[in-house]
Protein backbone atom coordinates (compact mmCIF):
# COMPACT_ATOMS: atom_id res chain seq x y z
CA MET A 1 0.04 -0.23 -0.16
CA ASN A 2 1.67 3.30 -0.88
CA GLU A 3 1.90 6.24 1.40
CA LYS A 4 -1.51 8.04 0.08
CA ASN A 5 -3.42 5.26 0.36
CA SER A 6 -1.89 4.39 3.51
CA GLN A 7 -3.52 7.89 5.18
CA LYS A 8 -6.28 7.25 3.69
CA ASP A 9 -6.78 3.90 4.86
CA ALA A 10 -5.58 5.75 8.69
CA TRP A 11 -8.24 8.85 8.33
CA ILE A 12 -11.21 5.77 7.52
CA ALA A 13 -10.13 3.82 10.87
CA LEU A 14 -10.01 7.10 12.75
CA ALA A 15 -13.46 7.96 11.75
CA ILE A 16 -14.81 4.38 11.97
CA LEU A 17 -13.16 4.18 15.96
CA SER A 18 -14.56 7.24 16.99
CA SER A 19 -17.98 6.84 15.75
CA LEU A 20 -17.51 3.99 18.29
CA ALA A 21 -16.57 6.15 21.24
CA LEU A 22 -19.16 8.97 19.88
CA ILE A 23 -22.10 6.57 20.12
CA THR A 24 -21.30 4.29 23.50
CA MET A 25 -20.38 7.68 25.68
CA TYR A 26 -23.65 9.20 24.14
CA GLY A 27 -25.18 6.02 25.73
CA GLU A 28 -23.58 6.29 28.65
CA THR A 29 -24.62 10.33 29.26
CA MET A 30 -27.86 9.93 28.00
CA LEU A 31 -28.60 7.28 30.90
CA ILE A 32 -27.95 9.63 34.01
CA PRO A 33 -30.72 11.84 33.41
CA ALA A 34 -32.62 7.99 33.23
CA ILE A 35 -31.76 7.31 36.81
CA PRO A 36 -34.53 8.76 38.88
CA TYR A 37 -37.39 6.64 36.10
CA LEU A 38 -35.20 3.41 36.92
CA ILE A 39 -35.43 3.90 41.04
CA ASP A 40 -39.15 4.49 40.50
CA ASP A 41 -40.02 1.81 38.21
CA PHE A 42 -37.52 -1.01 40.06
CA LYS A 43 -38.60 0.33 43.18
CA ILE A 44 -34.98 0.77 44.44
CA SER A 45 -33.18 2.74 47.09
CA TYR A 46 -30.65 5.38 45.89
CA ASN A 47 -27.83 3.49 47.08
CA THR A 48 -29.18 0.06 44.81
CA SER A 49 -29.46 2.52 41.96
CA SER A 50 -25.57 3.46 41.91
CA TRP A 51 -24.89 -0.45 41.17
CA ILE A 52 -26.23 0.66 37.51
CA LEU A 53 -23.06 2.70 37.15
CA THR A 54 -20.72 0.80 39.06
CA ALA A 55 -21.88 -2.88 37.70
CA TYR A 56 -20.51 -1.38 34.26
CA LEU A 57 -17.46 0.12 35.28
CA ILE A 58 -16.23 -3.00 37.16
CA ALA A 59 -16.62 -5.02 34.30
CA GLY A 60 -15.00 -2.57 32.37
CA ALA A 61 -11.97 -2.74 34.35
CA VAL A 62 -12.09 -6.30 35.19
CA MET A 63 -12.11 -6.82 31.26
CA THR A 64 -9.89 -4.38 29.77
CA PRO A 65 -6.55 -5.77 30.30
CA ILE A 66 -8.23 -9.45 29.67
CA ILE A 67 -8.96 -8.00 25.73
CA GLY A 68 -6.14 -6.14 25.44
CA LYS A 69 -3.94 -9.35 26.13
CA LEU A 70 -6.79 -10.82 24.03
CA SER A 71 -5.91 -8.18 20.90
CA ASP A 72 -2.35 -9.29 20.81
CA ILE A 73 -3.02 -13.18 20.36
CA TYR A 74 -5.73 -13.11 18.67
CA GLY A 75 -5.99 -9.73 16.18
CA LYS A 76 -7.56 -6.55 17.34
CA LYS A 77 -10.16 -6.40 14.50
CA LYS A 78 -11.23 -9.81 15.40
CA ILE A 79 -11.85 -9.04 19.52
CA LEU A 80 -12.57 -5.47 18.57
CA MET A 81 -15.53 -7.02 16.45
CA ILE A 82 -16.69 -9.28 18.65
CA VAL A 83 -16.68 -6.79 22.09
CA ILE A 84 -18.79 -4.66 19.87
CA VAL A 85 -21.55 -7.75 19.42
CA ILE A 86 -20.91 -8.27 23.40
CA TYR A 87 -21.65 -4.51 24.33
CA SER A 88 -24.74 -4.46 21.72
CA VAL A 89 -25.73 -7.36 23.61
CA GLY A 90 -25.73 -5.79 26.56
CA SER A 91 -27.65 -2.59 25.49
CA PHE A 92 -30.38 -5.03 23.88
CA PHE A 93 -31.30 -6.68 27.23
CA GLY A 94 -30.75 -3.55 28.94
CA GLY A 95 -33.98 -2.01 26.83
CA LEU A 96 -35.68 -5.31 28.11
CA SER A 97 -34.85 -5.04 31.89
CA ASN A 98 -38.08 -5.48 33.93
CA ASP A 99 -36.19 -5.41 37.45
CA ILE A 100 -32.99 -4.43 39.06
CA PHE A 101 -30.68 -8.10 38.47
CA MET A 102 -31.80 -8.41 34.98
CA MET A 103 -30.69 -4.31 34.82
CA ILE A 104 -27.28 -5.07 36.52
CA ILE A 105 -26.38 -8.01 34.62
CA SER A 106 -27.27 -6.18 31.16
CA ARG A 107 -24.70 -3.57 32.52
CA VAL A 108 -21.84 -5.76 33.17
CA ILE A 109 -22.41 -7.15 29.84
CA GLN A 110 -22.65 -3.74 28.40
CA GLY A 111 -19.39 -3.18 30.93
CA ILE A 112 -17.10 -5.79 28.83
CA GLY A 113 -17.58 -3.54 25.59
CA LEU A 114 -15.86 -0.92 27.68
CA ALA A 115 -12.94 -3.11 27.16
CA MET A 116 -12.83 -1.93 23.37
CA PHE A 117 -10.99 1.20 23.86
CA PRO A 118 -7.63 0.14 24.35
CA VAL A 119 -8.15 -2.26 21.18
CA ALA A 120 -9.33 0.87 19.45
CA PHE A 121 -6.45 2.57 20.50
CA ALA A 122 -3.65 0.33 19.68
CA ILE A 123 -5.00 0.03 16.05
CA ILE A 124 -4.85 4.02 15.58
CA ARG A 125 -1.26 3.65 17.48
CA GLU A 126 -0.54 1.26 14.40
CA LYS A 127 -2.23 2.85 11.18
CA PHE A 128 -0.90 6.62 12.19
CA PRO A 129 2.68 7.42 11.64
CA HIS A 130 4.54 8.55 14.77
CA GLU A 131 4.35 12.19 13.87
CA LYS A 132 0.47 12.14 13.56
CA LEU A 133 -0.05 9.68 16.09
CA ALA A 134 -1.18 12.27 18.87
CA ILE A 135 -3.69 13.82 16.25
CA GLY A 136 -5.57 10.69 15.56
CA GLN A 137 -5.12 10.12 19.62
CA GLY A 138 -6.51 13.43 19.95
CA ILE A 139 -9.45 13.39 17.76
CA PHE A 140 -10.37 9.98 19.25
CA THR A 141 -10.27 11.26 23.06
CA ALA A 142 -12.07 14.20 22.14
CA VAL A 143 -14.90 12.52 20.98
CA PHE A 144 -15.38 11.28 24.32
CA SER A 145 -16.70 14.20 25.39
CA ALA A 146 -18.48 15.10 22.36
CA GLY A 147 -20.65 12.33 23.17
CA ALA A 148 -20.99 13.37 26.41
CA VAL A 149 -22.16 16.72 25.19
CA VAL A 150 -24.72 14.48 22.22
CA GLY A 151 -25.73 12.38 25.40
CA LEU A 152 -26.62 15.07 27.65
CA GLY A 153 -28.32 17.21 24.98
CA LEU A 154 -30.77 14.06 23.79
CA GLY A 155 -31.12 12.04 27.05
CA ALA A 156 -33.68 14.17 28.93
CA THR A 157 -35.55 14.55 25.64
CA ILE A 158 -35.74 10.91 24.82
CA VAL A 159 -36.53 9.72 28.43
CA GLU A 160 -39.47 12.43 28.63
CA TYR A 161 -41.34 11.96 25.35
CA PHE A 162 -40.17 7.83 25.05
CA SER A 163 -39.01 5.85 27.98
CA TRP A 164 -35.86 5.27 29.37
CA HIS A 165 -35.55 2.01 27.35
CA MET A 166 -34.90 3.87 24.43
CA THR A 167 -31.74 4.96 25.76
CA PHE A 168 -30.34 1.15 25.50
CA LEU A 169 -32.33 0.33 22.60
CA SER A 170 -31.25 3.27 20.47
CA ILE A 171 -27.95 2.04 20.67
CA VAL A 172 -28.21 -1.32 19.37
CA PRO A 173 -29.22 -0.57 15.66
CA LEU A 174 -25.94 2.16 15.53
CA MET A 175 -24.14 -0.50 16.78
CA ILE A 176 -24.92 -3.06 14.15
CA ILE A 177 -24.55 -0.70 11.29
CA LEU A 178 -21.00 0.22 12.87
CA SER A 179 -19.60 -3.68 13.17
CA ILE A 180 -20.59 -4.10 9.49
CA VAL A 181 -18.20 -0.99 8.84
CA VAL A 182 -15.82 -2.12 10.92
CA PHE A 183 -15.57 -5.45 9.24
CA ARG A 184 -15.56 -3.85 5.55
CA TRP A 185 -13.52 -1.06 5.88
CA VAL A 186 -11.20 -1.69 8.70
CA ARG A 187 -7.91 -3.24 7.48
CA ILE A 188 -4.94 -3.93 9.87
CA ASP A 189 -2.26 -5.33 7.99
CA SER A 190 -0.25 -6.90 11.43
CA GLU A 191 -3.06 -9.43 11.82
CA LYS A 192 -1.81 -11.20 8.61
CA LEU A 193 1.06 -12.28 11.29
CA ILE A 194 -1.19 -13.39 13.78
CA SER A 195 -1.42 -16.83 13.53
CA ARG A 196 2.65 -17.09 13.43
CA ILE A 197 3.30 -15.11 16.66
CA ARG A 198 -0.27 -16.84 18.50
CA GLY A 199 0.18 -17.66 22.16
CA SER A 200 -2.40 -19.06 24.77
CA ILE A 201 -4.12 -17.02 27.38
CA ASP A 202 -3.36 -17.73 31.12
CA ILE A 203 -6.80 -19.10 32.68
CA THR A 204 -5.25 -18.62 36.20
CA GLY A 205 -3.51 -15.29 36.04
CA THR A 206 -6.93 -14.65 34.22
CA LEU A 207 -8.99 -15.47 37.04
CA VAL A 208 -6.87 -14.32 39.50
CA LEU A 209 -6.59 -10.82 38.06
CA VAL A 210 -10.69 -10.88 37.83
CA GLY A 211 -10.49 -11.73 41.66
CA ILE A 212 -8.29 -8.75 42.65
CA VAL A 213 -9.65 -6.30 40.23
CA SER A 214 -13.45 -7.34 41.14
CA THR A 215 -13.24 -7.45 44.81
CA PHE A 216 -10.83 -4.21 45.37
CA LEU A 217 -13.20 -2.04 43.18
CA THR A 218 -16.54 -3.62 44.77
CA GLY A 219 -14.89 -2.61 48.29
CA LEU A 220 -13.93 0.87 47.12
CA THR A 221 -17.69 1.49 45.57
CA LEU A 222 -19.26 0.15 48.88
CA LEU A 223 -17.14 2.38 50.92
CA PRO A 224 -18.73 5.76 50.71
CA ASN A 225 -21.89 4.58 51.86
CA SER A 226 -20.84 2.81 54.98
CA ILE A 227 -18.11 4.70 56.53
CA SER A 228 -20.56 7.08 58.12
CA GLY A 229 -23.00 4.38 58.52
CA PRO A 230 -24.68 2.91 61.65
CA ASN A 231 -24.30 -0.91 60.32
CA ASN A 232 -20.72 -2.48 61.24
CA ASN A 233 -21.34 -5.37 59.26
CA HIS A 234 -20.93 -3.23 55.98
CA MET A 235 -17.33 -2.43 57.22
CA VAL A 236 -16.66 -5.68 57.98
CA ILE A 237 -17.68 -6.73 54.66
CA ILE A 238 -15.68 -4.14 52.93
CA LEU A 239 -12.34 -4.71 55.18
CA ALA A 240 -12.96 -8.70 54.05
CA LEU A 241 -13.01 -7.63 50.30
CA PHE A 242 -9.88 -5.55 50.41
CA MET A 243 -8.09 -8.06 52.15
CA ILE A 244 -8.79 -10.43 49.37
CA SER A 245 -7.44 -8.47 46.95
CA ILE A 246 -4.41 -8.20 48.51
CA ALA A 247 -3.84 -11.70 49.60
CA LEU A 248 -4.50 -12.21 45.79
CA LEU A 249 -1.92 -9.89 44.60
CA PRO A 250 1.36 -12.27 45.51
CA LEU A 251 -0.87 -15.09 43.94
CA PHE A 252 -0.83 -13.31 40.52
CA ILE A 253 2.73 -11.93 40.67
CA PHE A 254 3.54 -15.77 40.66
CA THR A 255 1.29 -17.16 38.35
CA GLN A 256 2.76 -14.01 35.52
CA LYS A 257 6.43 -15.00 36.40
CA ARG A 258 5.54 -18.93 35.73
CA ALA A 259 2.99 -18.27 32.83
CA GLN A 260 4.59 -19.06 29.10
CA SER A 261 1.81 -15.96 27.82
CA PRO A 262 0.90 -13.99 31.07
CA ILE A 263 -1.98 -11.75 30.95
CA MET A 264 -0.01 -9.02 31.95
CA ASP A 265 3.46 -8.59 31.04
CA LEU A 266 5.15 -7.69 34.52
CA ASN A 267 8.16 -5.67 32.51
CA LEU A 268 5.60 -3.67 31.61
CA LEU A 269 4.46 -2.79 34.87
CA LYS A 270 8.07 -2.28 35.87
CA ASP A 271 8.94 -0.49 33.10
CA THR A 272 10.89 2.83 33.94
CA ILE A 273 8.70 5.09 32.07
CA LEU A 274 5.13 3.43 31.68
CA LEU A 275 4.90 2.92 35.33
CA PRO A 276 5.36 6.55 36.26
CA THR A 277 3.07 7.48 33.16
CA ASN A 278 0.57 4.51 34.42
CA LEU A 279 0.50 6.39 37.65
CA LEU A 280 0.03 9.67 36.31
CA ILE A 281 -2.82 8.40 34.08
CA MET A 282 -4.58 7.11 37.25
CA SER A 283 -4.35 10.47 38.79
CA ILE A 284 -5.97 12.39 36.02
CA GLY A 285 -8.38 9.67 36.36
CA VAL A 286 -9.03 10.38 40.11
CA ALA A 287 -8.64 14.69 39.00
CA PHE A 288 -11.68 14.27 36.35
CA PHE A 289 -14.22 12.09 38.59
CA ILE A 290 -13.17 13.30 42.42
CA ILE A 291 -15.66 16.21 41.70
CA TYR A 292 -17.90 14.57 39.78
CA GLN A 293 -20.95 13.65 41.80
CA ALA A 294 -19.63 16.50 44.50
CA LEU A 295 -20.29 19.42 42.21
CA PRO A 296 -24.22 18.39 41.32
CA ILE A 297 -24.61 18.01 45.17
CA LEU A 298 -23.73 21.14 45.91
CA ILE A 299 -25.53 22.67 42.84
CA GLN A 300 -28.65 20.84 43.93
CA SER A 301 -28.61 20.97 47.53
CA PRO A 302 -30.95 23.79 49.27
CA THR A 303 -29.58 26.87 50.53
CA PRO A 304 -27.28 27.53 52.99
CA LEU A 305 -25.46 24.64 52.04
CA GLY A 306 -26.08 24.40 48.60
CA PHE A 307 -27.16 26.93 45.61
CA GLY A 308 -30.75 25.10 45.25
CA GLY A 309 -30.69 24.52 41.63
CA GLY A 310 -32.55 21.26 39.53
CA PRO A 311 -30.71 19.19 36.86
CA ILE A 312 -31.10 21.93 34.32
CA ALA A 313 -28.54 24.04 36.66
CA THR A 314 -26.13 21.15 36.98
CA ALA A 315 -26.12 20.46 33.27
CA SER A 316 -25.28 24.40 32.71
CA VAL A 317 -22.48 24.39 35.13
CA GLN A 318 -20.79 21.29 33.82
CA LEU A 319 -21.81 21.44 29.85
CA PRO A 320 -18.63 24.13 29.51
CA PHE A 321 -16.47 21.60 31.42
CA MET A 322 -17.17 19.03 28.57
CA VAL A 323 -17.36 21.17 25.47
CA LEU A 324 -13.85 22.55 26.46
CA SER A 325 -12.57 18.65 26.96
CA PHE A 326 -13.67 17.85 23.32
CA VAL A 327 -11.95 21.58 21.99
CA ILE A 328 -8.61 21.19 23.85
CA SER A 329 -8.38 17.57 23.44
CA ILE A 330 -8.41 18.15 19.50
CA LEU A 331 -5.95 20.92 19.60
CA SER A 332 -3.62 19.19 21.87
CA GLY A 333 -3.30 16.70 19.42
CA PHE A 334 -2.02 19.00 16.84
CA LEU A 335 -0.06 20.40 19.53
CA ILE A 336 1.99 17.32 20.63
CA SER A 337 2.33 16.66 17.28
CA LYS A 338 4.57 20.04 16.73
CA ILE A 339 6.20 20.24 20.00
CA GLY A 340 6.10 16.52 21.48
CA ASN A 341 4.20 15.09 24.82
CA ILE A 342 6.28 16.38 27.67
CA LYS A 343 5.44 19.95 27.60
CA PRO A 344 1.55 19.76 26.62
CA THR A 345 1.46 17.00 29.87
CA LEU A 346 3.34 19.78 32.47
CA ILE A 347 1.59 22.68 31.44
CA GLY A 348 -1.49 20.57 31.50
CA SER A 349 -0.93 19.35 34.90
CA ILE A 350 0.05 22.81 36.12
CA ILE A 351 -2.96 24.59 34.61
CA SER A 352 -5.37 22.00 36.17
CA THR A 353 -3.61 22.17 39.47
CA ILE A 354 -4.38 26.20 39.53
CA GLY A 355 -8.16 25.22 38.41
CA PHE A 356 -8.51 23.01 41.29
CA PHE A 357 -7.06 25.22 43.73
CA LEU A 358 -9.30 28.27 42.95
CA LEU A 359 -12.20 25.99 43.15
CA PHE A 360 -11.11 25.30 46.82
CA ILE A 361 -10.14 28.96 47.94
CA TYR A 362 -13.58 30.73 45.97
CA HIS A 363 -16.51 29.15 45.13
CA PRO A 364 -19.62 31.28 45.73
CA SER A 365 -21.73 30.96 42.66
CA GLU A 366 -22.82 28.32 39.20
CA LEU A 367 -21.12 30.91 37.29
CA VAL A 368 -17.96 30.65 39.22
CA ILE A 369 -17.30 27.19 39.75
CA SER A 370 -18.11 26.75 35.54
CA LEU A 371 -15.56 29.25 34.80
CA GLU A 372 -13.01 27.42 37.01
CA LEU A 373 -14.10 24.27 35.43
CA CYS A 374 -13.04 25.67 32.53
CA ILE A 375 -9.51 25.66 34.03
CA VAL A 376 -9.92 22.54 34.94
CA ALA A 377 -10.86 21.55 31.91
CA ILE A 378 -8.25 22.83 29.63
CA GLY A 379 -5.79 21.60 31.93
CA LEU A 380 -6.89 17.77 32.07
CA ALA A 381 -7.39 17.80 28.86
CA PHE A 382 -3.77 18.62 27.64
CA ALA A 383 -2.66 16.09 30.78
CA GLU A 384 -4.55 13.57 29.43
CA ILE A 385 -4.04 13.81 25.82
CA GLY A 386 0.13 13.84 26.63
CA ALA A 387 0.46 10.81 29.06
CA PHE A 388 -2.00 8.52 26.78
CA ASN A 389 0.53 9.34 24.39
CA ILE A 390 3.56 8.60 26.00
CA SER A 391 1.90 5.30 27.03
CA LEU A 392 1.24 5.13 23.75
CA VAL A 393 4.67 5.78 21.71
CA SER A 394 6.97 4.04 24.97
CA ALA A 395 4.55 0.45 24.58
CA PRO A 396 6.34 -2.49 22.56
CA LEU A 397 4.04 -2.09 19.16
CA ASN A 398 3.79 -6.51 19.64
CA GLN A 399 1.86 -5.72 23.25
CA SER A 400 0.39 -2.89 22.48
CA GLY A 401 -3.18 -4.35 23.39
CA THR A 402 -1.64 -5.32 26.46
CA SER A 403 0.19 -2.41 27.43
CA LEU A 404 -2.99 -0.27 26.90
CA GLY A 405 -5.01 -2.65 28.55
CA ILE A 406 -2.81 -2.06 31.64
CA THR A 407 -3.22 1.57 31.28
CA MET A 408 -7.11 1.69 30.60
CA LEU A 409 -7.30 -0.36 33.86
CA LEU A 410 -5.21 2.03 36.01
CA PHE A 411 -7.41 4.92 34.35
CA LEU A 412 -10.34 2.88 35.12
CA ILE A 413 -9.20 2.35 38.80
CA GLY A 414 -8.38 6.11 39.23
CA MET A 415 -12.30 7.37 38.00
CA SER A 416 -13.29 4.63 41.02
CA LEU A 417 -11.52 6.51 43.10
CA GLY A 418 -12.42 9.91 43.17
CA PRO A 419 -16.11 9.54 43.57
CA ALA A 420 -15.37 6.96 46.39
CA ILE A 421 -12.76 9.66 47.76
CA SER A 422 -15.36 12.67 47.35
CA GLY A 423 -18.36 10.02 48.83
CA ILE A 424 -16.37 9.59 52.14
CA TYR A 425 -16.28 13.57 52.85
CA LEU A 426 -20.03 14.07 51.58
CA GLU A 427 -21.00 11.10 53.80
CA SER A 428 -18.71 12.31 57.01
CA PHE A 429 -19.63 15.86 57.20
CA ARG A 430 -23.34 16.28 56.96
CA SER A 431 -25.74 18.86 58.56
CA THR A 432 -29.69 19.82 58.35
CA ILE A 433 -31.39 23.00 57.05
CA ASP A 434 -33.75 24.44 59.54
CA ASN A 435 -34.18 21.63 62.22
CA THR A 436 -35.63 19.18 58.94
CA ASN A 437 -34.80 15.54 59.08
CA GLU A 438 -32.92 15.96 55.90
CA SER A 439 -29.13 16.52 55.98
CA TYR A 440 -27.05 17.68 53.48
CA PRO A 441 -23.25 17.83 53.03
CA THR A 442 -21.33 21.04 54.94
CA PRO A 443 -18.80 23.44 53.15
CA LEU A 444 -16.20 21.31 55.18
CA ALA A 445 -16.84 18.47 52.60
CA TYR A 446 -16.89 19.93 49.54
CA ASP A 447 -13.56 22.12 50.86
CA LEU A 448 -11.58 18.49 51.47
CA THR A 449 -13.08 17.44 48.12
CA PHE A 450 -11.34 20.10 46.26
CA VAL A 451 -8.27 20.55 48.15
CA THR A 452 -7.99 17.20 47.57
CA ALA A 453 -8.13 17.43 43.94
CA VAL A 454 -5.11 20.33 44.28
CA LEU A 455 -2.76 17.55 45.94
CA ILE A 456 -3.55 15.03 43.30
CA SER A 457 -3.01 17.48 40.57
CA ILE A 458 0.57 18.56 42.50
CA LEU A 459 1.28 15.10 42.57
CA SER A 460 0.48 15.00 38.55
CA VAL A 461 3.37 17.55 38.27
CA ILE A 462 5.59 15.92 40.39
CA LEU A 463 5.38 12.22 38.22
CA THR A 464 5.48 14.18 34.82
CA LEU A 465 8.88 15.78 35.68
CA PHE A 466 10.10 12.75 37.21
CA ILE A 467 8.64 11.31 33.47
CA THR A 468 10.73 14.09 32.01
CA LYS A 469 13.80 13.17 33.19
CA LYS A 470 13.55 9.28 32.42
CA LEU A 471 13.04 10.62 28.99
CA ILE A 472 15.83 12.95 29.05
CA SER A 473 18.22 10.21 30.65
CA LYS A 474 16.68 7.32 27.72
CA THR A 475 17.69 9.72 24.95
CA ILE A 476 21.46 10.47 26.29
């Protein structure tokens, strides 16, 4: 294939893979306004309803490194096709759910589909030349924010005029069309070599990894609702889950050292560039989501503990953040292709630190918060694109799926840690208003959330400086 056709093929693949990200994020964001309807239809509590989102995230975190490894063994296109079908099946059954148990099972199946993204990143890494990889990566990442914007715009309308079932069912025909498009137009030349280097999946290591991730994330998810609750049995269960996760860790390391084809190459975990980069990406995940649930509660809590707004006010505050994330992600891709990935990552970490610091010291109104979130969005977008680019170019090409699976796993763990941290603050520091029985988080809860975001952003700056030093020493 000549250079012109190769470039055309790369952009076609990027457009198709970006459409996958757009539809997936559209579906997830569109589900948010449907949650109250699900609570009413299923007759469940708010705590139980959180599992509609949590089940998806845990399943995705568990399957991401496994799917990444399978893509290296059996071929990226083949595994991507299978994952798309699985996601479509989960969406279909989600739309047909008539109780919380069927819904959670459907969300777990959908969560497996979350593992399509490291495979898509690996395909982009393979299709684009090094000098244009950041552009492709930036556009693909930006589409996540675009999908969230589309979901916010359409979600409430679809739920109100049709039903929450349509938030799931509307995804299915789109995914079927995309699976056909992927099969027909996404071509990967290296897949021809797969049969020569095919290995076998490490079943023992896979099962142990599933145990580690699922018990850790389940315990983490339960922690905010139990930290200040009267039922000590919940805390016993959470501690047991964390202990199981810790106990399985040395067993996992042992199995990976002995396996002929380990599910997770320990050398990738120890790599002097990939290790701090993955930690940086995890810290970015924490920073993204530590304010994710705190801000809507602040906006919708009654005065004087909140602003007394509603869902529309919440969307208005968050929408500029998502739009800026979309725009800056695209621009950062072009910037990285010109000046490299370190400077944008460092600048982004510093800007996000400034934004979180301003949010901590001064948040008197929804408008001010929205403006401060714009600063945070600019910083996090630069930092995320830069950090993911470092991970992409540093991973061995023949292990790109495995490496990106590890990266996405840590990013998802960071996304889970953020709400858990803020949830502990929001549950621990509460107060009633006008002698009512209803309690709401106090200003201290939000201050602790915002200052923690500042500290995490400072950690991101330190990690970026460390990575910079390692990259410089590697080139000397």
